[in-house]
PDB file of N, CA and C in Angstrom:
ATOM      1  N   PHE A   1       3.135   9.361  -1.490  1.00  0.00           N
ATOM      2  CA  PHE A   1       2.547   8.346  -0.413  1.00  0.00           C
ATOM      3  C   PHE A   1       3.275   7.137  -0.347  1.00  0.00           C
ATOM      4  N   ALA A   2       3.793   6.556  -1.414  1.00  0.00           N
ATOM      5  CA  ALA A   2       4.192   5.200  -1.278  1.00  0.00           C
ATOM      6  C   ALA A   2       5.606   5.398  -0.750  1.00  0.00           C
ATOM      7  N   LEU A   3       6.504   6.284  -0.997  1.00  0.00           N
ATOM      8  CA  LEU A   3       7.730   6.422  -0.380  1.00  0.00           C
ATOM      9  C   LEU A   3       7.733   6.613   1.185  1.00  0.00           C
ATOM     10  N   ARG A   4       6.757   7.385   1.627  1.00  0.00           N
ATOM     11  CA  ARG A   4       6.623   7.774   2.963  1.00  0.00           C
ATOM     12  C   ARG A   4       6.011   6.678   3.702  1.00  0.00           C
ATOM     13  N   TYR A   5       5.135   5.954   3.202  1.00  0.00           N
ATOM     14  CA  TYR A   5       4.415   4.663   3.698  1.00  0.00           C
ATOM     15  C   TYR A   5       5.406   3.604   3.791  1.00  0.00           C
ATOM     16  N   THR A   6       6.249   3.460   2.702  1.00  0.00           N
ATOM     17  CA  THR A   6       7.326   2.360   2.625  1.00  0.00           C
ATOM     18  C   THR A   6       8.211   2.575   3.944  1.00  0.00           C
ATOM     19  N   LEU A   7       8.632   3.876   4.144  1.00  0.00           N
ATOM     20  CA  LEU A   7       9.526   4.073   5.406  1.00  0.00           C
ATOM     21  C   LEU A   7       8.752   3.836   6.663  1.00  0.00           C
ATOM     22  N   PHE A   8       7.476   4.133   6.680  1.00  0.00           N
ATOM     23  CA  PHE A   8       6.696   3.722   7.862  1.00  0.00           C
ATOM     24  C   PHE A   8       6.704   2.184   8.234  1.00  0.00           C
ATOM     25  N   TRP A   9       6.189   1.448   7.176  1.00  0.00           N
ATOM     26  CA  TRP A   9       6.132   0.024   7.454  1.00  0.00           C
ATOM     27  C   TRP A   9       7.595  -0.774   7.683  1.00  0.00           C
ATOM     28  N   ILE A  10       8.549  -0.176   7.075  1.00  0.00           N
ATOM     29  CA  ILE A  10       9.962  -0.573   7.461  1.00  0.00           C
ATOM     30  C   ILE A  10      10.156  -0.321   8.772  1.00  0.00           C
ATOM     31  N   GLY A  11       9.945   0.816   9.174  1.00  0.00           N
ATOM     32  CA  GLY A  11      10.127   1.200  10.700  1.00  0.00           C
ATOM     33  C   GLY A  11       9.317   0.353  11.633  1.00  0.00           C
ATOM     34  N   ILE A  12       8.087   0.013  11.327  1.00  0.00           N
ATOM     35  CA  ILE A  12       7.239  -0.848  12.131  1.00  0.00           C
ATOM     36  C   ILE A  12       7.961  -2.357  12.213  1.00  0.00           C
ATOM     37  N   PHE A  13       8.369  -2.793  11.062  1.00  0.00           N
ATOM     38  CA  PHE A  13       9.002  -4.036  11.080  1.00  0.00           C
ATOM     39  C   PHE A  13      10.387  -4.131  11.811  1.00  0.00           C
ATOM     40  N   GLY A  14      10.980  -2.995  11.714  1.00  0.00           N
ATOM     41  CA  GLY A  14      12.383  -2.842  12.286  1.00  0.00           C
ATOM     42  C   GLY A  14      12.126  -2.800  13.969  1.00  0.00           C
ATOM     43  N   PHE A  15      11.044  -2.187  14.349  1.00  0.00           N
ATOM     44  CA  PHE A  15      10.712  -2.204  15.627  1.00  0.00           C
ATOM     45  C   PHE A  15      10.331  -3.650  16.168  1.00  0.00           C
ATOM     46  N   ILE A  16       9.517  -4.314  15.353  1.00  0.00           N
ATOM     47  CA  ILE A  16       9.167  -5.719  15.695  1.00  0.00           C
ATOM     48  C   ILE A  16      10.301  -6.671  15.866  1.00  0.00           C
ATOM     49  N   VAL A  17      11.317  -6.443  14.978  1.00  0.00           N
ATOM     50  CA  VAL A  17      12.409  -7.408  15.055  1.00  0.00           C
ATOM     51  C   VAL A  17      13.385  -6.914  16.152  1.00  0.00           C
ATOM     52  N   VAL A  18      13.646  -5.695  16.285  1.00  0.00           N
ATOM     53  CA  VAL A  18      14.574  -5.254  17.502  1.00  0.00           C
ATOM     54  C   VAL A  18      13.930  -5.504  18.801  1.00  0.00           C
ATOM     55  N   SER A  19      12.825  -5.377  18.905  1.00  0.00           N
ATOM     56  CA  SER A  19      12.083  -5.605  20.315  1.00  0.00           C
ATOM     57  C   SER A  19      11.669  -7.088  20.399  1.00  0.00           C
ATOM     58  N   GLN A  20      11.980  -7.914  19.392  1.00  0.00           N
ATOM     59  CA  GLN A  20      11.701  -9.430  19.416  1.00  0.00           C
ATOM     60  C   GLN A  20      10.147  -9.600  19.819  1.00  0.00           C
ATOM     61  N   SER A  21       9.312  -8.744  19.503  1.00  0.00           N
ATOM     62  CA  SER A  21       7.846  -9.018  19.901  1.00  0.00           C
ATOM     63  C   SER A  21       7.308 -10.129  18.851  1.00  0.00           C
ATOM     64  N   TYR A  22       7.867 -10.361  17.770  1.00  0.00           N
ATOM     65  CA  TYR A  22       7.504 -11.421  16.972  1.00  0.00           C
ATOM     66  C   TYR A  22       7.449 -12.786  17.527  1.00  0.00           C
ATOM     67  N   GLU A  23       8.119 -12.993  18.583  1.00  0.00           N
ATOM     68  CA  GLU A  23       8.172 -14.326  19.452  1.00  0.00           C
ATOM     69  C   GLU A  23       6.832 -14.385  20.149  1.00  0.00           C
ATOM     70  N   TYR A  24       6.054 -13.514  20.342  1.00  0.00           N
ATOM     71  CA  TYR A  24       4.795 -13.523  21.041  1.00  0.00           C
ATOM     72  C   TYR A  24       3.732 -13.483  20.129  1.00  0.00           C
ATOM     73  N   PHE A  25       3.872 -13.442  18.845  1.00  0.00           N
ATOM     74  CA  PHE A  25       2.771 -13.297  17.966  1.00  0.00           C
ATOM     75  C   PHE A  25       2.161 -14.572  17.669  1.00  0.00           C
ATOM     76  N   THR A  26       0.714 -14.613  17.521  1.00  0.00           N
ATOM     77  CA  THR A  26       0.095 -15.839  17.173  1.00  0.00           C
ATOM     78  C   THR A  26      -0.245 -15.728  15.739  1.00  0.00           C
ATOM     79  N   ALA A  27      -0.906 -16.534  15.056  1.00  0.00           N
ATOM     80  CA  ALA A  27      -1.397 -16.447  13.607  1.00  0.00           C
ATOM     81  C   ALA A  27      -2.127 -15.190  13.356  1.00  0.00           C
ATOM     82  N   TRP A  28      -3.144 -14.928  14.405  1.00  0.00           N
ATOM     83  CA  TRP A  28      -3.924 -13.799  14.339  1.00  0.00           C
ATOM     84  C   TRP A  28      -3.202 -12.423  14.461  1.00  0.00           C
ATOM     85  N   GLY A  29      -2.123 -12.536  15.239  1.00  0.00           N
ATOM     86  CA  GLY A  29      -1.194 -11.411  15.364  1.00  0.00           C
ATOM     87  C   GLY A  29      -0.541 -10.992  14.241  1.00  0.00           C
ATOM     88  N   TYR A  30       0.035 -12.042  13.400  1.00  0.00           N
ATOM     89  CA  TYR A  30       0.721 -11.865  12.139  1.00  0.00           C
ATOM     90  C   TYR A  30      -0.319 -11.252  11.223  1.00  0.00           C
ATOM     91  N   LEU A  31      -1.522 -11.792  11.184  1.00  0.00           N
ATOM     92  CA  LEU A  31      -2.473 -11.270  10.152  1.00  0.00           C
ATOM     93  C   LEU A  31      -2.891  -9.811  10.355  1.00  0.00           C
ATOM     94  N   GLY A  32      -2.910  -9.534  11.753  1.00  0.00           N
ATOM     95  CA  GLY A  32      -3.337  -8.264  12.202  1.00  0.00           C
ATOM     96  C   GLY A  32      -2.079  -7.093  11.731  1.00  0.00           C
ATOM     97  N   VAL A  33      -0.904  -7.621  11.976  1.00  0.00           N
ATOM     98  CA  VAL A  33       0.179  -6.616  11.588  1.00  0.00           C
ATOM     99  C   VAL A  33       0.440  -6.443  10.124  1.00  0.00           C
ATOM    100  N   CYS A  34       0.467  -7.557   9.382  1.00  0.00           N
ATOM    101  CA  CYS A  34       0.663  -7.677   8.145  1.00  0.00           C
ATOM    102  C   CYS A  34      -0.513  -7.120   7.286  1.00  0.00           C
ATOM    103  N   GLY A  35      -1.794  -7.567   7.656  1.00  0.00           N
ATOM    104  CA  GLY A  35      -2.922  -7.065   6.992  1.00  0.00           C
ATOM    105  C   GLY A  35      -3.252  -5.696   7.218  1.00  0.00           C
ATOM    106  N   GLY A  36      -2.835  -5.222   8.404  1.00  0.00           N
ATOM    107  CA  GLY A  36      -3.142  -3.823   8.837  1.00  0.00           C
ATOM    108  C   GLY A  36      -2.140  -2.823   7.965  1.00  0.00           C
ATOM    109  N   LEU A  37      -0.834  -3.353   7.748  1.00  0.00           N
ATOM    110  CA  LEU A  37       0.175  -2.604   7.114  1.00  0.00           C
ATOM    111  C   LEU A  37      -0.123  -2.722   5.480  1.00  0.00           C
ATOM    112  N   ALA A  38      -0.786  -3.739   5.093  1.00  0.00           N
ATOM    113  CA  ALA A  38      -1.173  -3.767   3.570  1.00  0.00           C
ATOM    114  C   ALA A  38      -2.405  -2.995   3.231  1.00  0.00           C
ATOM    115  N   LEU A  39      -3.251  -2.885   4.109  1.00  0.00           N
ATOM    116  CA  LEU A  39      -4.668  -2.318   4.025  1.00  0.00           C
ATOM    117  C   LEU A  39      -4.530  -0.923   3.373  1.00  0.00           C
ATOM    118  N   PRO A  40      -3.666   0.019   3.676  1.00  0.00           N
ATOM    119  CA  PRO A  40      -3.664   1.266   3.054  1.00  0.00           C
ATOM    120  C   PRO A  40      -3.219   1.250   1.501  1.00  0.00           C
ATOM    121  N   LEU A  41      -2.425   0.320   1.317  1.00  0.00           N
ATOM    122  CA  LEU A  41      -1.851   0.263  -0.162  1.00  0.00           C
ATOM    123  C   LEU A  41      -2.979  -0.408  -1.033  1.00  0.00           C
ATOM    124  N   ILE A  42      -3.885  -1.306  -0.525  1.00  0.00           N
ATOM    125  CA  ILE A  42      -4.882  -1.878  -1.128  1.00  0.00           C
ATOM    126  C   ILE A  42      -6.096  -0.895  -1.263  1.00  0.00           C
ATOM    127  N   LEU A  43      -6.393  -0.031  -0.298  1.00  0.00           N
ATOM    128  CA  LEU A  43      -7.473   0.862  -0.204  1.00  0.00           C
ATOM    129  C   LEU A  43      -7.101   2.124  -1.075  1.00  0.00           C
ATOM    130  N   GLN A  44      -5.840   2.519  -1.240  1.00  0.00           N
ATOM    131  CA  GLN A  44      -5.475   3.798  -1.927  1.00  0.00           C
ATOM    132  C   GLN A  44      -6.224   3.956  -3.239  1.00  0.00           C
ATOM    133  N   PRO A  45      -6.108   3.014  -4.137  1.00  0.00           N
ATOM    134  CA  PRO A  45      -6.699   3.170  -5.460  1.00  0.00           C
ATOM    135  C   PRO A  45      -8.221   3.366  -5.465  1.00  0.00           C
ATOM    136  N   ILE A  46      -8.783   2.746  -4.490  1.00  0.00           N
ATOM    137  CA  ILE A  46     -10.334   2.906  -4.255  1.00  0.00           C
ATOM    138  C   ILE A  46     -10.728   4.237  -3.813  1.00  0.00           C
ATOM    139  N   VAL A  47      -9.993   4.659  -2.670  1.00  0.00           N
ATOM    140  CA  VAL A  47     -10.417   5.747  -1.905  1.00  0.00           C
ATOM    141  C   VAL A  47     -10.016   7.022  -2.489  1.00  0.00           C
ATOM    142  N   TYR A  48      -8.694   7.006  -3.038  1.00  0.00           N
ATOM    143  CA  TYR A  48      -7.967   8.265  -3.504  1.00  0.00           C
ATOM    144  C   TYR A  48      -7.320   7.875  -4.861  1.00  0.00           C
ATOM    145  N   PRO A  49      -7.917   7.668  -5.870  1.00  0.00           N
ATOM    146  CA  PRO A  49      -7.171   7.247  -7.148  1.00  0.00           C
ATOM    147  C   PRO A  49      -6.421   8.410  -7.785  1.00  0.00           C
ATOM    148  N   GLN A  50      -6.717   9.591  -7.632  1.00  0.00           N
ATOM    149  CA  GLN A  50      -5.958  10.543  -8.312  1.00  0.00           C
ATOM    150  C   GLN A  50      -4.695  11.028  -7.479  1.00  0.00           C
ATOM    151  N   ALA A  51      -4.224  10.273  -6.471  1.00  0.00           N
ATOM    152  CA  ALA A  51      -3.005  10.495  -5.750  1.00  0.00           C
ATOM    153  C   ALA A  51      -1.846  10.521  -6.744  1.00  0.00           C
ATOM    154  N   SER A  52      -0.935  11.395  -6.682  1.00  0.00           N
ATOM    155  CA  SER A  52       0.257  11.615  -7.425  1.00  0.00           C
ATOM    156  C   SER A  52       1.132  12.616  -6.908  1.00  0.00           C
ATOM    157  N   ASN A  53       2.334  12.773  -7.217  1.00  0.00           N
ATOM    158  CA  ASN A  53       3.324  13.641  -6.798  1.00  0.00           C
ATOM    159  C   ASN A  53       3.144  14.975  -7.335  1.00  0.00           C
ATOM    160  N   PRO A  54       3.361  16.083  -6.493  1.00  0.00           N
ATOM    161  CA  PRO A  54       3.280  17.350  -7.036  1.00  0.00           C
ATOM    162  C   PRO A  54       4.539  17.690  -7.951  1.00  0.00           C
ATOM    163  N   SER A  55       4.323  18.617  -8.948  1.00  0.00           N
ATOM    164  CA  SER A  55       5.343  18.941  -9.795  1.00  0.00           C
ATOM    165  C   SER A  55       6.594  19.462  -9.052  1.00  0.00           C
ATOM    166  N   LYS A  56       7.743  19.388  -9.741  1.00  0.00           N
ATOM    167  CA  LYS A  56       9.033  19.981  -9.040  1.00  0.00           C
ATOM    168  C   LYS A  56       9.402  21.255  -9.548  1.00  0.00           C
ATOM    169  N   ASN A  57       8.528  22.101 -10.156  1.00  0.00           N
ATOM    170  CA  ASN A  57       8.771  23.387 -10.779  1.00  0.00           C
ATOM    171  C   ASN A  57       8.720  24.589  -9.807  1.00  0.00           C
ATOM    172  N   GLY A  58       8.623  24.218  -8.470  1.00  0.00           N
ATOM    173  CA  GLY A  58       8.480  25.202  -7.461  1.00  0.00           C
ATOM    174  C   GLY A  58       7.093  25.340  -6.908  1.00  0.00           C
ATOM    175  N   LYS A  59       6.107  25.213  -7.799  1.00  0.00           N
ATOM    176  CA  LYS A  59       4.618  25.190  -7.512  1.00  0.00           C
ATOM    177  C   LYS A  59       4.196  23.912  -7.180  1.00  0.00           C
ATOM    178  N   ALA A  60       3.481  23.733  -6.305  1.00  0.00           N
ATOM    179  CA  ALA A  60       2.751  22.548  -5.823  1.00  0.00           C
ATOM    180  C   ALA A  60       1.543  22.295  -6.657  1.00  0.00           C
ATOM    181  N   ILE A  61       1.502  21.748  -7.875  1.00  0.00           N
ATOM    182  CA  ILE A  61       0.476  21.427  -8.745  1.00  0.00           C
ATOM    183  C   ILE A  61       0.302  20.064  -8.795  1.00  0.00           C
ATOM    184  N   VAL A  62      -0.891  19.480  -8.407  1.00  0.00           N
ATOM    185  CA  VAL A  62      -1.186  18.154  -8.405  1.00  0.00           C
ATOM    186  C   VAL A  62      -1.483  17.628  -9.864  1.00  0.00           C
ATOM    187  N   ILE A  63      -0.859  16.650 -10.372  1.00  0.00           N
ATOM    188  CA  ILE A  63      -1.017  16.126 -11.673  1.00  0.00           C
ATOM    189  C   ILE A  63      -2.200  15.161 -11.620  1.00  0.00           C
ATOM    190  N   VAL A  64      -3.079  15.179 -12.300  1.00  0.00           N
ATOM    191  CA  VAL A  64      -4.193  14.193 -12.265  1.00  0.00           C
ATOM    192  C   VAL A  64      -3.942  12.849 -12.910  1.00  0.00           C
ATOM    193  N   ASN A  65      -3.948  11.868 -12.093  1.00  0.00           N
ATOM    194  CA  ASN A  65      -3.739  10.508 -12.493  1.00  0.00           C
ATOM    195  C   ASN A  65      -4.793   9.974 -13.536  1.00  0.00           C
ATOM    196  N   PRO A  66      -4.576   9.503 -14.670  1.00  0.00           N
ATOM    197  CA  PRO A  66      -5.550   8.928 -15.771  1.00  0.00           C
ATOM    198  C   PRO A  66      -6.495   8.012 -15.000  1.00  0.00           C
ATOM    199  N   ASP A  67      -6.044   7.157 -14.099  1.00  0.00           N
ATOM    200  CA  ASP A  67      -6.975   6.290 -13.357  1.00  0.00           C
ATOM    201  C   ASP A  67      -8.208   6.992 -12.696  1.00  0.00           C
ATOM    202  N   ALA A  68      -7.922   8.287 -12.318  1.00  0.00           N
ATOM    203  CA  ALA A  68      -9.148   8.995 -11.669  1.00  0.00           C
ATOM    204  C   ALA A  68     -10.364   8.979 -12.593  1.00  0.00           C
ATOM    205  N   GLN A  69     -10.168   9.071 -13.959  1.00  0.00           N
ATOM    206  CA  GLN A  69     -11.216   9.326 -14.826  1.00  0.00           C
ATOM    207  C   GLN A  69     -11.833   7.852 -15.379  1.00  0.00           C
ATOM    208  N   ARG A  70     -11.157   6.901 -15.103  1.00  0.00           N
ATOM    209  CA  ARG A  70     -11.684   5.583 -15.518  1.00  0.00           C
ATOM    210  C   ARG A  70     -12.471   4.932 -14.492  1.00  0.00           C
ATOM    211  N   ALA A  71     -13.343   3.976 -14.966  1.00  0.00           N
ATOM    212  CA  ALA A  71     -14.214   3.146 -14.095  1.00  0.00           C
ATOM    213  C   ALA A  71     -13.340   2.372 -13.189  1.00  0.00           C
ATOM    214  N   PHE A  72     -13.860   1.795 -12.116  1.00  0.00           N
ATOM    215  CA  PHE A  72     -13.105   1.164 -11.082  1.00  0.00           C
ATOM    216  C   PHE A  72     -12.454  -0.115 -11.762  1.00  0.00           C
ATOM    217  N   HIS A  73     -13.179  -0.861 -12.537  1.00  0.00           N
ATOM    218  CA  HIS A  73     -12.727  -2.152 -13.058  1.00  0.00           C
ATOM    219  C   HIS A  73     -11.730  -1.882 -14.174  1.00  0.00           C
ATOM    220  N   GLN A  74     -11.580  -0.723 -14.672  1.00  0.00           N
ATOM    221  CA  GLN A  74     -10.773  -0.416 -15.791  1.00  0.00           C
ATOM    222  C   GLN A  74      -9.412   0.226 -15.278  1.00  0.00           C
ATOM    223  N   ARG A  75      -9.248   0.422 -14.068  1.00  0.00           N
ATOM    224  CA  ARG A  75      -8.088   1.199 -13.562  1.00  0.00           C
ATOM    225  C   ARG A  75      -6.906   0.210 -13.524  1.00  0.00           C
ATOM    226  N   TYR A  76      -5.688   0.840 -13.811  1.00  0.00           N
ATOM    227  CA  TYR A  76      -4.506   0.028 -13.844  1.00  0.00           C
ATOM    228  C   TYR A  76      -4.176  -0.491 -12.347  1.00  0.00           C
ATOM    229  N   SER A  77      -4.391   0.482 -11.367  1.00  0.00           N
ATOM    230  CA  SER A  77      -4.242   0.073  -9.901  1.00  0.00           C
ATOM    231  C   SER A  77      -5.139  -1.024  -9.565  1.00  0.00           C
ATOM    232  N   THR A  78      -6.256  -1.114 -10.040  1.00  0.00           N
ATOM    233  CA  THR A  78      -7.259  -2.260  -9.592  1.00  0.00           C
ATOM    234  C   THR A  78      -6.658  -3.508 -10.217  1.00  0.00           C
ATOM    235  N   LYS A  79      -6.341  -3.446 -11.373  1.00  0.00           N
ATOM    236  CA  LYS A  79      -5.849  -4.666 -12.190  1.00  0.00           C
ATOM    237  C   LYS A  79      -4.574  -5.187 -11.470  1.00  0.00           C
ATOM    238  N   ALA A  80      -3.596  -4.237 -11.202  1.00  0.00           N
ATOM    239  CA  ALA A  80      -2.335  -4.520 -10.427  1.00  0.00           C
ATOM    240  C   ALA A  80      -2.620  -5.039  -9.082  1.00  0.00           C
ATOM    241  N   THR A  81      -3.527  -4.678  -8.398  1.00  0.00           N
ATOM    242  CA  THR A  81      -3.811  -5.024  -7.086  1.00  0.00           C
ATOM    243  C   THR A  81      -4.182  -6.659  -7.091  1.00  0.00           C
ATOM    244  N   LEU A  82      -5.234  -6.869  -8.084  1.00  0.00           N
ATOM    245  CA  LEU A  82      -5.718  -8.065  -8.268  1.00  0.00           C
ATOM    246  C   LEU A  82      -4.754  -9.138  -8.722  1.00  0.00           C
ATOM    247  N   TYR A  83      -3.749  -8.665  -9.567  1.00  0.00           N
ATOM    248  CA  TYR A  83      -2.819  -9.354  -9.950  1.00  0.00           C
ATOM    249  C   TYR A  83      -1.860  -9.934  -8.861  1.00  0.00           C
ATOM    250  N   LEU A  84      -1.446  -8.957  -8.068  1.00  0.00           N
ATOM    251  CA  LEU A  84      -0.614  -9.278  -6.861  1.00  0.00           C
ATOM    252  C   LEU A  84      -1.129 -10.018  -5.877  1.00  0.00           C
ATOM    253  N   LEU A  85      -2.601  -9.909  -5.592  1.00  0.00           N
ATOM    254  CA  LEU A  85      -3.175 -10.748  -4.679  1.00  0.00           C
ATOM    255  C   LEU A  85      -3.318 -12.241  -5.115  1.00  0.00           C
ATOM    256  N   THR A  86      -3.597 -12.336  -6.487  1.00  0.00           N
ATOM    257  CA  THR A  86      -3.638 -13.619  -7.069  1.00  0.00           C
ATOM    258  C   THR A  86      -2.262 -14.287  -7.068  1.00  0.00           C
ATOM    259  N   TYR A  87      -1.333 -13.691  -7.417  1.00  0.00           N
ATOM    260  CA  TYR A  87       0.021 -14.221  -7.517  1.00  0.00           C
ATOM    261  C   TYR A  87       0.600 -14.494  -6.059  1.00  0.00           C
ATOM    262  N   SER A  88       0.229 -13.656  -5.008  1.00  0.00           N
ATOM    263  CA  SER A  88       0.643 -13.987  -3.781  1.00  0.00           C
ATOM    264  C   SER A  88       0.043 -15.124  -3.268  1.00  0.00           C
ATOM    265  N   PHE A  89      -1.341 -15.358  -3.570  1.00  0.00           N
ATOM    266  CA  PHE A  89      -2.076 -16.401  -2.973  1.00  0.00           C
ATOM    267  C   PHE A  89      -1.555 -17.779  -3.631  1.00  0.00           C
ATOM    268  N   ILE A  90      -1.292 -17.732  -4.885  1.00  0.00           N
ATOM    269  CA  ILE A  90      -0.780 -18.988  -5.576  1.00  0.00           C
ATOM    270  C   ILE A  90       0.641 -19.230  -5.028  1.00  0.00           C
ATOM    271  N   GLY A  91       1.491 -18.332  -5.050  1.00  0.00           N
ATOM    272  CA  GLY A  91       2.861 -18.404  -4.562  1.00  0.00           C
ATOM    273  C   GLY A  91       3.007 -18.906  -3.145  1.00  0.00           C
ATOM    274  N   ASN A  92       2.132 -18.809  -2.317  1.00  0.00           N
ATOM    275  CA  ASN A  92       2.235 -19.090  -0.826  1.00  0.00           C
ATOM    276  C   ASN A  92       1.477 -20.313  -0.637  1.00  0.00           C
TER     277      ASN A  92
END
């Protein structure tokens, strides 16, 4: 998921830069683009915590992520997201 989504948002930003549409963005426009692109990464641990890559042995077996069995507040992905949100807020 992360690799495919990374290619998607890089493509979106590439289109914005090449088309120079950033010159017409307001503060709300920036918030809409950046917030909209960040939202799937923030919501993925909440909506689909067991997301992982299938095995490479020829059969597509989904490996269960340990976060799927943990409570929401104990998940690594929840803690990492909160840390990044706090660090980004303080850094900016």
